[in-house]
C-alpha atoms as a PDB file:
ATOM      1  CA  UNK A   1      64.291  36.287 -23.399  1.00  0.00           C
ATOM      2  CA  UNK A   2      61.859  35.250 -20.728  1.00  0.00           C
ATOM      3  CA  UNK A   3      58.366  33.886 -20.709  1.00  0.00           C
ATOM      4  CA  UNK A   4      57.266  37.084 -18.797  1.00  0.00           C
ATOM      5  CA  UNK A   5      58.548  39.210 -21.698  1.00  0.00           C
ATOM      6  CA  UNK A   6      56.577  37.137 -24.166  1.00  0.00           C
ATOM      7  CA  UNK A   7      53.493  37.493 -22.011  1.00  0.00           C
ATOM      8  CA  UNK A   8      53.940  41.246 -21.995  1.00  0.00           C
ATOM      9  CA  UNK A   9      54.250  41.338 -25.791  1.00  0.00           C
ATOM     10  CA  UNK A  10      51.149  39.200 -26.215  1.00  0.00           C
ATOM     11  CA  UNK A  11      49.184  41.430 -23.855  1.00  0.00           C
ATOM     12  CA  UNK A  12      50.170  44.597 -25.788  1.00  0.00           C
ATOM     13  CA  UNK A  13      49.150  43.003 -29.117  1.00  0.00           C
ATOM     14  CA  UNK A  14      45.852  41.748 -27.812  1.00  0.00           C
ATOM     15  CA  UNK A  15      44.968  45.041 -26.067  1.00  0.00           C
ATOM     16  CA  UNK A  16      46.384  47.136 -28.942  1.00  0.00           C
ATOM     17  CA  UNK A  17      47.701  49.498 -26.244  1.00  0.00           C
ATOM     18  CA  UNK A  18      50.489  49.724 -23.706  1.00  0.00           C
ATOM     19  CA  UNK A  19      48.145  51.430 -21.201  1.00  0.00           C
ATOM     20  CA  UNK A  20      45.463  48.720 -21.389  1.00  0.00           C
ATOM     21  CA  UNK A  21      48.001  45.932 -21.362  1.00  0.00           C
ATOM     22  CA  UNK A  22      49.638  47.359 -18.237  1.00  0.00           C
ATOM     23  CA  UNK A  23      46.296  47.489 -16.532  1.00  0.00           C
ATOM     24  CA  UNK A  24      45.445  43.933 -17.537  1.00  0.00           C
ATOM     25  CA  UNK A  25      48.804  42.656 -16.226  1.00  0.00           C
ATOM     26  CA  UNK A  26      48.648  44.842 -13.129  1.00  0.00           C
ATOM     27  CA  UNK A  27      52.071  46.369 -13.798  1.00  0.00           C
ATOM     28  CA  UNK A  28      53.136  49.924 -14.374  1.00  0.00           C
ATOM     29  CA  UNK A  29      53.368  51.142 -17.981  1.00  0.00           C
ATOM     30  CA  UNK A  30      57.048  52.007 -17.510  1.00  0.00           C
ATOM     31  CA  UNK A  31      57.835  48.478 -16.316  1.00  0.00           C
ATOM     32  CA  UNK A  32      55.948  47.038 -19.266  1.00  0.00           C
ATOM     33  CA  UNK A  33      57.757  49.230 -21.822  1.00  0.00           C
ATOM     34  CA  UNK A  34      61.155  48.429 -20.206  1.00  0.00           C
ATOM     35  CA  UNK A  35      60.537  44.668 -20.651  1.00  0.00           C
ATOM     36  CA  UNK A  36      59.363  45.018 -24.277  1.00  0.00           C
ATOM     37  CA  UNK A  37      62.431  47.110 -25.124  1.00  0.00           C
ATOM     38  CA  UNK A  38      64.619  44.513 -23.466  1.00  0.00           C
ATOM     39  CA  UNK A  39      62.994  41.821 -25.523  1.00  0.00           C
ATOM     40  CA  UNK A  40      63.481  43.840 -28.708  1.00  0.00           C
ATOM     41  CA  UNK A  41      67.186  44.329 -27.911  1.00  0.00           C
ATOM     42  CA  UNK A  42      67.613  40.562 -27.449  1.00  0.00           C
ATOM     43  CA  UNK A  43      65.758  39.724 -30.630  1.00  0.00           C
ATOM     44  CA  UNK A  44      67.767  42.340 -32.567  1.00  0.00           C
ATOM     45  CA  UNK A  45      65.112  44.676 -33.808  1.00  0.00           C
ATOM     46  CA  UNK A  46      61.683  46.306 -33.190  1.00  0.00           C
ATOM     47  CA  UNK A  47      58.751  44.067 -32.698  1.00  0.00           C
ATOM     48  CA  UNK A  48      56.161  46.775 -32.252  1.00  0.00           C
ATOM     49  CA  UNK A  49      55.492  50.003 -34.094  1.00  0.00           C
ATOM     50  CA  UNK A  50      54.304  52.763 -31.766  1.00  0.00           C
ATOM     51  CA  UNK A  51      51.608  54.753 -33.481  1.00  0.00           C
ATOM     52  CA  UNK A  52      49.527  57.824 -32.491  1.00  0.00           C
ATOM     53  CA  UNK A  53      46.721  55.582 -31.729  1.00  0.00           C
ATOM     54  CA  UNK A  54      47.670  52.141 -30.586  1.00  0.00           C
ATOM     55  CA  UNK A  55      50.454  49.782 -31.695  1.00  0.00           C
ATOM     56  CA  UNK A  56      50.946  47.210 -34.421  1.00  0.00           C
ATOM     57  CA  UNK A  57      53.475  44.507 -35.117  1.00  0.00           C
ATOM     58  CA  UNK A  58      56.404  45.064 -37.396  1.00  0.00           C
ATOM     59  CA  UNK A  59      57.470  42.481 -39.983  1.00  0.00           C
ATOM     60  CA  UNK A  60      59.878  41.055 -37.424  1.00  0.00           C
ATOM     61  CA  UNK A  61      57.129  41.157 -34.854  1.00  0.00           C
ATOM     62  CA  UNK A  62      54.691  39.293 -37.095  1.00  0.00           C
ATOM     63  CA  UNK A  63      57.211  36.491 -37.520  1.00  0.00           C
ATOM     64  CA  UNK A  64      57.980  36.346 -33.743  1.00  0.00           C
ATOM     65  CA  UNK A  65      54.468  36.748 -32.370  1.00  0.00           C
ATOM     66  CA  UNK A  66      52.863  33.349 -33.181  1.00  0.00           C
ATOM     67  CA  UNK A  67      55.773  31.483 -31.341  1.00  0.00           C
ATOM     68  CA  UNK A  68      55.547  33.857 -28.322  1.00  0.00           C
ATOM     69  CA  UNK A  69      51.766  33.454 -28.241  1.00  0.00           C
ATOM     70  CA  UNK A  70      52.019  29.668 -28.342  1.00  0.00           C
ATOM     71  CA  UNK A  71      54.681  29.679 -25.623  1.00  0.00           C
ATOM     72  CA  UNK A  72      52.518  31.864 -23.319  1.00  0.00           C
ATOM     73  CA  UNK A  73      49.379  29.803 -23.853  1.00  0.00           C
ATOM     74  CA  UNK A  74      51.204  26.558 -23.497  1.00  0.00           C
ATOM     75  CA  UNK A  75      52.587  27.741 -20.133  1.00  0.00           C
ATOM     76  CA  UNK A  76      49.053  28.608 -18.948  1.00  0.00           C
ATOM     77  CA  UNK A  77      47.818  25.203 -20.114  1.00  0.00           C
ATOM     78  CA  UNK A  78      50.649  23.483 -18.336  1.00  0.00           C
ATOM     79  CA  UNK A  79      49.750  25.197 -15.083  1.00  0.00           C
ATOM     80  CA  UNK A  80      46.038  24.293 -15.480  1.00  0.00           C
ATOM     81  CA  UNK A  81      46.969  20.638 -16.308  1.00  0.00           C
ATOM     82  CA  UNK A  82      49.292  20.355 -13.334  1.00  0.00           C
ATOM     83  CA  UNK A  83      46.625  21.746 -10.950  1.00  0.00           C
ATOM     84  CA  UNK A  84      44.064  19.358 -12.415  1.00  0.00           C
ATOM     85  CA  UNK A  85      46.309  16.333 -12.216  1.00  0.00           C
ATOM     86  CA  UNK A  86      46.986  17.230  -8.616  1.00  0.00           C
ATOM     87  CA  UNK A  87      43.277  16.948  -7.809  1.00  0.00           C
ATOM     88  CA  UNK A  88      42.527  20.707  -7.572  1.00  0.00           C
ATOM     89  CA  UNK A  89      38.843  21.482  -7.684  1.00  0.00           C
ATOM     90  CA  UNK A  90      39.342  25.036  -8.663  1.00  0.00           C
ATOM     91  CA  UNK A  91      40.659  27.086 -11.640  1.00  0.00           C
ATOM     92  CA  UNK A  92      39.559  27.190 -15.253  1.00  0.00           C
ATOM     93  CA  UNK A  93      38.977  24.765 -18.154  1.00  0.00           C
ATOM     94  CA  UNK A  94      39.240  26.413 -21.583  1.00  0.00           C
ATOM     95  CA  UNK A  95      37.133  24.805 -24.290  1.00  0.00           C
ATOM     96  CA  UNK A  96      37.182  25.759 -27.990  1.00  0.00           C
ATOM     97  CA  UNK A  97      34.233  24.834 -30.188  1.00  0.00           C
ATOM     98  CA  UNK A  98      32.138  25.923 -33.148  1.00  0.00           C
ATOM     99  CA  UNK A  99      29.104  28.069 -32.466  1.00  0.00           C
ATOM    100  CA  UNK A 100      26.576  25.419 -33.552  1.00  0.00           C
ATOM    101  CA  UNK A 101      27.830  22.999 -30.826  1.00  0.00           C
ATOM    102  CA  UNK A 102      28.144  25.801 -28.268  1.00  0.00           C
ATOM    103  CA  UNK A 103      24.369  26.456 -28.559  1.00  0.00           C
ATOM    104  CA  UNK A 104      23.281  22.935 -29.311  1.00  0.00           C
ATOM    105  CA  UNK A 105      25.320  20.283 -27.369  1.00  0.00           C
ATOM    106  CA  UNK A 106      27.145  22.191 -24.624  1.00  0.00           C
ATOM    107  CA  UNK A 107      24.450  23.953 -22.552  1.00  0.00           C
ATOM    108  CA  UNK A 108      23.215  20.736 -20.941  1.00  0.00           C
ATOM    109  CA  UNK A 109      26.731  19.361 -20.461  1.00  0.00           C
ATOM    110  CA  UNK A 110      27.974  22.683 -18.928  1.00  0.00           C
ATOM    111  CA  UNK A 111      25.013  22.696 -16.567  1.00  0.00           C
ATOM    112  CA  UNK A 112      25.910  19.160 -15.348  1.00  0.00           C
ATOM    113  CA  UNK A 113      29.539  20.240 -14.990  1.00  0.00           C
ATOM    114  CA  UNK A 114      28.667  23.295 -12.957  1.00  0.00           C
ATOM    115  CA  UNK A 115      26.658  21.245 -10.520  1.00  0.00           C
ATOM    116  CA  UNK A 116      29.343  18.600 -10.120  1.00  0.00           C
ATOM    117  CA  UNK A 117      32.398  20.895 -10.176  1.00  0.00           C
ATOM    118  CA  UNK A 118      31.383  24.364  -8.959  1.00  0.00           C
ATOM    119  CA  UNK A 119      34.958  25.397  -8.335  1.00  0.00           C
ATOM    120  CA  UNK A 120      36.181  24.892 -11.974  1.00  0.00           C
ATOM    121  CA  UNK A 121      35.106  27.697 -14.206  1.00  0.00           C
ATOM    122  CA  UNK A 122      34.452  26.928 -17.884  1.00  0.00           C
ATOM    123  CA  UNK A 123      35.751  29.380 -20.522  1.00  0.00           C
ATOM    124  CA  UNK A 124      34.315  28.851 -24.001  1.00  0.00           C
ATOM    125  CA  UNK A 125      36.124  30.045 -27.180  1.00  0.00           C
ATOM    126  CA  UNK A 126      33.617  30.007 -30.048  1.00  0.00           C
ATOM    127  CA  UNK A 127      34.494  29.968 -33.799  1.00  0.00           C
ATOM    128  CA  UNK A 128      32.522  30.119 -36.978  1.00  0.00           C
ATOM    129  CA  UNK A 129      34.159  27.307 -38.938  1.00  0.00           C
ATOM    130  CA  UNK A 130      35.849  23.977 -38.216  1.00  0.00           C
ATOM    131  CA  UNK A 131      39.024  25.225 -40.016  1.00  0.00           C
ATOM    132  CA  UNK A 132      39.228  28.241 -37.708  1.00  0.00           C
ATOM    133  CA  UNK A 133      38.670  25.998 -34.657  1.00  0.00           C
ATOM    134  CA  UNK A 134      41.538  23.711 -35.672  1.00  0.00           C
ATOM    135  CA  UNK A 135      43.817  26.635 -36.448  1.00  0.00           C
ATOM    136  CA  UNK A 136      43.119  28.302 -33.014  1.00  0.00           C
ATOM    137  CA  UNK A 137      43.686  25.011 -31.204  1.00  0.00           C
ATOM    138  CA  UNK A 138      47.022  24.536 -32.935  1.00  0.00           C
ATOM    139  CA  UNK A 139      47.952  28.023 -31.552  1.00  0.00           C
ATOM    140  CA  UNK A 140      47.096  26.846 -28.045  1.00  0.00           C
ATOM    141  CA  UNK A 141      43.934  28.896 -27.443  1.00  0.00           C
ATOM    142  CA  UNK A 142      42.267  26.196 -25.193  1.00  0.00           C
ATOM    143  CA  UNK A 143      42.845  23.030 -23.262  1.00  0.00           C
ATOM    144  CA  UNK A 144      40.470  21.013 -25.550  1.00  0.00           C
ATOM    145  CA  UNK A 145      38.272  21.448 -28.526  1.00  0.00           C
ATOM    146  CA  UNK A 146      34.821  20.031 -29.283  1.00  0.00           C
ATOM    147  CA  UNK A 147      33.870  19.743 -32.994  1.00  0.00           C
ATOM    148  CA  UNK A 148      33.581  17.586 -36.104  1.00  0.00           C
ATOM    149  CA  UNK A 149      36.518  15.236 -36.649  1.00  0.00           C
ATOM    150  CA  UNK A 150      39.524  17.433 -37.721  1.00  0.00           C
ATOM    151  CA  UNK A 151      41.593  16.416 -40.720  1.00  0.00           C
ATOM    152  CA  UNK A 152      45.271  15.608 -40.186  1.00  0.00           C
ATOM    153  CA  UNK A 153      45.217  16.569 -36.447  1.00  0.00           C
ATOM    154  CA  UNK A 154      48.509  15.475 -34.884  1.00  0.00           C
ATOM    155  CA  UNK A 155      47.191  15.104 -31.327  1.00  0.00           C
ATOM    156  CA  UNK A 156      44.609  12.819 -29.661  1.00  0.00           C
ATOM    157  CA  UNK A 157      41.078  12.670 -31.058  1.00  0.00           C
ATOM    158  CA  UNK A 158      38.193  11.082 -29.120  1.00  0.00           C
ATOM    159  CA  UNK A 159      34.780  10.425 -30.553  1.00  0.00           C
ATOM    160  CA  UNK A 160      32.204  11.525 -27.936  1.00  0.00           C
ATOM    161  CA  UNK A 161      29.014  11.251 -30.007  1.00  0.00           C
ATOM    162  CA  UNK A 162      27.416  11.473 -33.503  1.00  0.00           C
ATOM    163  CA  UNK A 163      25.277  14.124 -35.025  1.00  0.00           C
ATOM    164  CA  UNK A 164      22.239  13.101 -37.050  1.00  0.00           C
ATOM    165  CA  UNK A 165      22.034  15.082 -40.265  1.00  0.00           C
ATOM    166  CA  UNK A 166      18.677  16.166 -41.656  1.00  0.00           C
ATOM    167  CA  UNK A 167      17.256  18.322 -44.440  1.00  0.00           C
ATOM    168  CA  UNK A 168      15.604  21.585 -43.411  1.00  0.00           C
ATOM    169  CA  UNK A 169      12.587  22.947 -45.422  1.00  0.00           C
ATOM    170  CA  UNK A 170       9.635  25.312 -44.630  1.00  0.00           C
ATOM    171  CA  UNK A 171       6.568  23.756 -42.960  1.00  0.00           C
ATOM    172  CA  UNK A 172       4.556  24.195 -46.193  1.00  0.00           C
ATOM    173  CA  UNK A 173       7.014  22.501 -48.419  1.00  0.00           C
ATOM    174  CA  UNK A 174       5.832  19.165 -49.921  1.00  0.00           C
ATOM    175  CA  UNK A 175       8.945  17.423 -48.511  1.00  0.00           C
ATOM    176  CA  UNK A 176       7.882  18.317 -44.925  1.00  0.00           C
ATOM    177  CA  UNK A 177       5.373  15.490 -44.803  1.00  0.00           C
ATOM    178  CA  UNK A 178       7.768  12.866 -46.093  1.00  0.00           C
ATOM    179  CA  UNK A 179       9.332  10.236 -43.800  1.00  0.00           C
ATOM    180  CA  UNK A 180      12.644  10.504 -45.698  1.00  0.00           C
ATOM    181  CA  UNK A 181      14.116  11.940 -48.846  1.00  0.00           C
ATOM    182  CA  UNK A 182      16.740  10.599 -51.208  1.00  0.00           C
ATOM    183  CA  UNK A 183      19.338  13.092 -52.380  1.00  0.00           C
ATOM    184  CA  UNK A 184      18.739  12.491 -56.045  1.00  0.00           C
ATOM    185  CA  UNK A 185      15.188  13.952 -55.621  1.00  0.00           C
ATOM    186  CA  UNK A 186      16.735  17.327 -54.803  1.00  0.00           C
ATOM    187  CA  UNK A 187      18.654  17.771 -58.083  1.00  0.00           C
ATOM    188  CA  UNK A 188      16.532  20.759 -59.151  1.00  0.00           C
ATOM    189  CA  UNK A 189      16.388  22.429 -55.720  1.00  0.00           C
ATOM    190  CA  UNK A 190      18.466  25.477 -54.643  1.00  0.00           C
ATOM    191  CA  UNK A 191      20.626  24.972 -51.551  1.00  0.00           C
ATOM    192  CA  UNK A 192      21.585  26.934 -48.467  1.00  0.00           C
ATOM    193  CA  UNK A 193      25.246  26.227 -47.830  1.00  0.00           C
ATOM    194  CA  UNK A 194      27.105  26.807 -44.543  1.00  0.00           C
ATOM    195  CA  UNK A 195      30.782  26.994 -43.659  1.00  0.00           C
ATOM    196  CA  UNK A 196      30.256  24.283 -41.099  1.00  0.00           C
ATOM    197  CA  UNK A 197      29.310  21.628 -43.593  1.00  0.00           C
ATOM    198  CA  UNK A 198      31.104  18.268 -43.122  1.00  0.00           C
ATOM    199  CA  UNK A 199      34.330  17.813 -44.957  1.00  0.00           C
ATOM    200  CA  UNK A 200      35.438  14.413 -46.255  1.00  0.00           C
ATOM    201  CA  UNK A 201      38.863  13.980 -47.813  1.00  0.00           C
ATOM    202  CA  UNK A 202      39.262  17.682 -48.310  1.00  0.00           C
ATOM    203  CA  UNK A 203      35.919  18.163 -50.105  1.00  0.00           C
ATOM    204  CA  UNK A 204      32.603  19.325 -48.874  1.00  0.00           C
ATOM    205  CA  UNK A 205      30.422  16.343 -47.970  1.00  0.00           C
ATOM    206  CA  UNK A 206      27.345  17.669 -49.745  1.00  0.00           C
ATOM    207  CA  UNK A 207      29.320  18.197 -52.993  1.00  0.00           C
ATOM    208  CA  UNK A 208      30.529  14.575 -52.850  1.00  0.00           C
ATOM    209  CA  UNK A 209      27.132  13.077 -52.119  1.00  0.00           C
ATOM    210  CA  UNK A 210      25.408  15.145 -54.830  1.00  0.00           C
ATOM    211  CA  UNK A 211      28.151  14.140 -57.330  1.00  0.00           C
ATOM    212  CA  UNK A 212      27.390  10.488 -56.563  1.00  0.00           C
ATOM    213  CA  UNK A 213      23.718  11.195 -57.080  1.00  0.00           C
ATOM    214  CA  UNK A 214      24.384  12.649 -60.538  1.00  0.00           C
ATOM    215  CA  UNK A 215      24.167  16.373 -60.058  1.00  0.00           C
ATOM    216  CA  UNK A 216      25.984  19.422 -58.681  1.00  0.00           C
ATOM    217  CA  UNK A 217      24.123  21.412 -55.981  1.00  0.00           C
ATOM    218  CA  UNK A 218      23.018  24.924 -57.006  1.00  0.00           C
ATOM    219  CA  UNK A 219      23.839  27.334 -54.193  1.00  0.00           C
ATOM    220  CA  UNK A 220      21.230  29.960 -53.446  1.00  0.00           C
ATOM    221  CA  UNK A 221      23.067  31.538 -50.438  1.00  0.00           C
ATOM    222  CA  UNK A 222      26.207  30.714 -48.370  1.00  0.00           C
ATOM    223  CA  UNK A 223      26.393  31.551 -44.662  1.00  0.00           C
ATOM    224  CA  UNK A 224      29.060  31.553 -41.948  1.00  0.00           C
ATOM    225  CA  UNK A 225      26.752  30.466 -39.096  1.00  0.00           C
ATOM    226  CA  UNK A 226      24.489  27.408 -39.014  1.00  0.00           C
ATOM    227  CA  UNK A 227      21.744  29.367 -37.165  1.00  0.00           C
ATOM    228  CA  UNK A 228      21.580  31.838 -40.095  1.00  0.00           C
ATOM    229  CA  UNK A 229      21.500  28.976 -42.581  1.00  0.00           C
ATOM    230  CA  UNK A 230      18.581  27.328 -40.655  1.00  0.00           C
ATOM    231  CA  UNK A 231      16.553  30.568 -40.844  1.00  0.00           C
ATOM    232  CA  UNK A 232      17.251  30.945 -44.519  1.00  0.00           C
ATOM    233  CA  UNK A 233      16.092  27.357 -45.190  1.00  0.00           C
ATOM    234  CA  UNK A 234      12.973  27.745 -43.071  1.00  0.00           C
ATOM    235  CA  UNK A 235      12.101  30.903 -45.027  1.00  0.00           C
ATOM    236  CA  UNK A 236      12.222  28.920 -48.328  1.00  0.00           C
ATOM    237  CA  UNK A 237      15.510  30.212 -49.731  1.00  0.00           C
ATOM    238  CA  UNK A 238      16.708  26.668 -50.308  1.00  0.00           C
ATOM    239  CA  UNK A 239      17.207  23.163 -48.818  1.00  0.00           C
ATOM    240  CA  UNK A 240      19.777  22.891 -45.997  1.00  0.00           C
ATOM    241  CA  UNK A 241      21.661  19.881 -44.745  1.00  0.00           C
ATOM    242  CA  UNK A 242      22.450  20.354 -41.027  1.00  0.00           C
ATOM    243  CA  UNK A 243      22.674  18.560 -37.733  1.00  0.00           C
ATOM    244  CA  UNK A 244      19.296  17.852 -35.989  1.00  0.00           C
ATOM    245  CA  UNK A 245      20.449  19.410 -32.727  1.00  0.00           C
ATOM    246  CA  UNK A 246      20.901  22.824 -34.417  1.00  0.00           C
ATOM    247  CA  UNK A 247      17.090  23.009 -34.909  1.00  0.00           C
ATOM    248  CA  UNK A 248      16.121  23.168 -31.229  1.00  0.00           C
ATOM    249  CA  UNK A 249      13.633  25.996 -30.612  1.00  0.00           C
ATOM    250  CA  UNK A 250      13.477  27.011 -34.301  1.00  0.00           C
ATOM    251  CA  UNK A 251      10.299  27.035 -36.391  1.00  0.00           C
ATOM    252  CA  UNK A 252      11.068  24.752 -39.329  1.00  0.00           C
ATOM    253  CA  UNK A 253      10.483  21.263 -40.692  1.00  0.00           C
ATOM    254  CA  UNK A 254      13.228  18.619 -40.795  1.00  0.00           C
ATOM    255  CA  UNK A 255      13.267  15.530 -42.952  1.00  0.00           C
ATOM    256  CA  UNK A 256      15.608  12.545 -42.463  1.00  0.00           C
ATOM    257  CA  UNK A 257      17.762  11.466 -45.425  1.00  0.00           C
ATOM    258  CA  UNK A 258      17.660   8.092 -47.134  1.00  0.00           C
ATOM    259  CA  UNK A 259      20.068   6.567 -46.375  1.00  0.00           C
ATOM    260  CA  UNK A 260      20.617   8.121 -42.928  1.00  0.00           C
ATOM    261  CA  UNK A 261      23.614  10.452 -42.615  1.00  0.00           C
ATOM    262  CA  UNK A 262      25.615  11.013 -39.442  1.00  0.00           C
ATOM    263  CA  UNK A 263      28.950  12.628 -38.565  1.00  0.00           C
ATOM    264  CA  UNK A 264      31.298  12.282 -35.555  1.00  0.00           C
ATOM    265  CA  UNK A 265      31.462  14.803 -32.693  1.00  0.00           C
ATOM    266  CA  UNK A 266      35.023  14.696 -31.338  1.00  0.00           C
ATOM    267  CA  UNK A 267      37.186  16.083 -28.554  1.00  0.00           C
ATOM    268  CA  UNK A 268      40.701  16.927 -29.791  1.00  0.00           C
ATOM    269  CA  UNK A 269      43.688  18.480 -28.124  1.00  0.00           C
ATOM    270  CA  UNK A 270      47.416  19.009 -28.443  1.00  0.00           C
ATOM    271  CA  UNK A 271      48.158  16.592 -25.576  1.00  0.00           C
ATOM    272  CA  UNK A 272      46.163  13.817 -23.972  1.00  0.00           C
ATOM    273  CA  UNK A 273      43.429  15.305 -21.686  1.00  0.00           C
ATOM    274  CA  UNK A 274      44.095  14.929 -17.992  1.00  0.00           C
ATOM    275  CA  UNK A 275      42.247  16.069 -14.851  1.00  0.00           C
ATOM    276  CA  UNK A 276      39.369  18.404 -15.533  1.00  0.00           C
ATOM    277  CA  UNK A 277      39.781  18.038 -19.348  1.00  0.00           C
ATOM    278  CA  UNK A 278      39.540  14.242 -19.109  1.00  0.00           C
ATOM    279  CA  UNK A 279      36.504  14.466 -16.787  1.00  0.00           C
ATOM    280  CA  UNK A 280      34.812  16.921 -19.108  1.00  0.00           C
ATOM    281  CA  UNK A 281      35.531  14.616 -22.100  1.00  0.00           C
ATOM    282  CA  UNK A 282      33.878  11.685 -20.192  1.00  0.00           C
ATOM    283  CA  UNK A 283      30.872  13.860 -19.437  1.00  0.00           C
ATOM    284  CA  UNK A 284      30.485  14.641 -23.177  1.00  0.00           C
ATOM    285  CA  UNK A 285      30.882  10.957 -23.991  1.00  0.00           C
ATOM    286  CA  UNK A 286      28.102  10.030 -21.538  1.00  0.00           C
ATOM    287  CA  UNK A 287      25.862  12.795 -22.916  1.00  0.00           C
ATOM    288  CA  UNK A 288      26.418  11.480 -26.450  1.00  0.00           C
ATOM    289  CA  UNK A 289      25.956   7.839 -25.638  1.00  0.00           C
ATOM    290  CA  UNK A 290      22.575   7.682 -27.268  1.00  0.00           C
ATOM    291  CA  UNK A 291      23.983   8.587 -30.675  1.00  0.00           C
ATOM    292  CA  UNK A 292      27.425   6.929 -30.658  1.00  0.00           C
ATOM    293  CA  UNK A 293      26.252   3.687 -32.141  1.00  0.00           C
ATOM    294  CA  UNK A 294      24.701   5.398 -35.166  1.00  0.00           C
ATOM    295  CA  UNK A 295      25.948   4.355 -38.636  1.00  0.00           C
ATOM    296  CA  UNK A 296      29.121   6.161 -39.764  1.00  0.00           C
ATOM    297  CA  UNK A 297      29.247   8.992 -42.269  1.00  0.00           C
ATOM    298  CA  UNK A 298      29.369   7.565 -45.877  1.00  0.00           C
ATOM    299  CA  UNK A 299      32.869   8.097 -47.209  1.00  0.00           C
ATOM    300  CA  UNK A 300      32.527   6.701 -50.673  1.00  0.00           C
ATOM    301  CA  UNK A 301      35.731   4.726 -50.276  1.00  0.00           C
END
């Protein structure tokens, strides 16, 4: 089997069509079909089920596909890394991140990058949760990832900044005028919960902290995106714990916690960043310099 055959298979699955995959790969449909059939003969069985509308993986295909996808993406990353290490000022840098950081931290950094490296195009892959981000990075979707510190990540992890966590309430809420709020004061309040909440030791950070304060948080609504959670909290649905940078441009009140809470923003990857990836990491580190010396997240250990 060849890398090209794997690339053809990945294209057919992603496009859900032989015709669209052939167009994307700039090959004829007959040549594409021939290579897929050759791959299936070598594997020893069908990988794709041809349907009236589109295609789907067979059981054998579902077992084979993740490995083929990783091989194809790793080959693309290897080429980009080699070009970057050789001093090339062109090509692409693929960055995976969660939506909250894509709209909060990255715009300013990407603008500085575009000015300094106009020949290197940035490609963002955005995900709703930190778990999905780590899973996709393990599959080789990008050259580097930006997000909260991943648990049990086997590759390099670099802290590039810290997020200051705040409580979000409507402007008319009595807490809005406070300089800070202790968590124990919120035992009777409903909460807006988000999939992007910090996780410590496999448990949601808010659950751990509330437990230490002597209560369990009562959830009013749970969201996938932090921007939705902020709007829910600003409407009075419940109190939200979120990063301060996620509130830019939104009409709500934020209150610091007592004691202050922060969490790491990290860059992580499957291999050590080189070339463009290393330069982008340093740019993120420079942008986060003002918050890097903040107190660490309480771990309770």
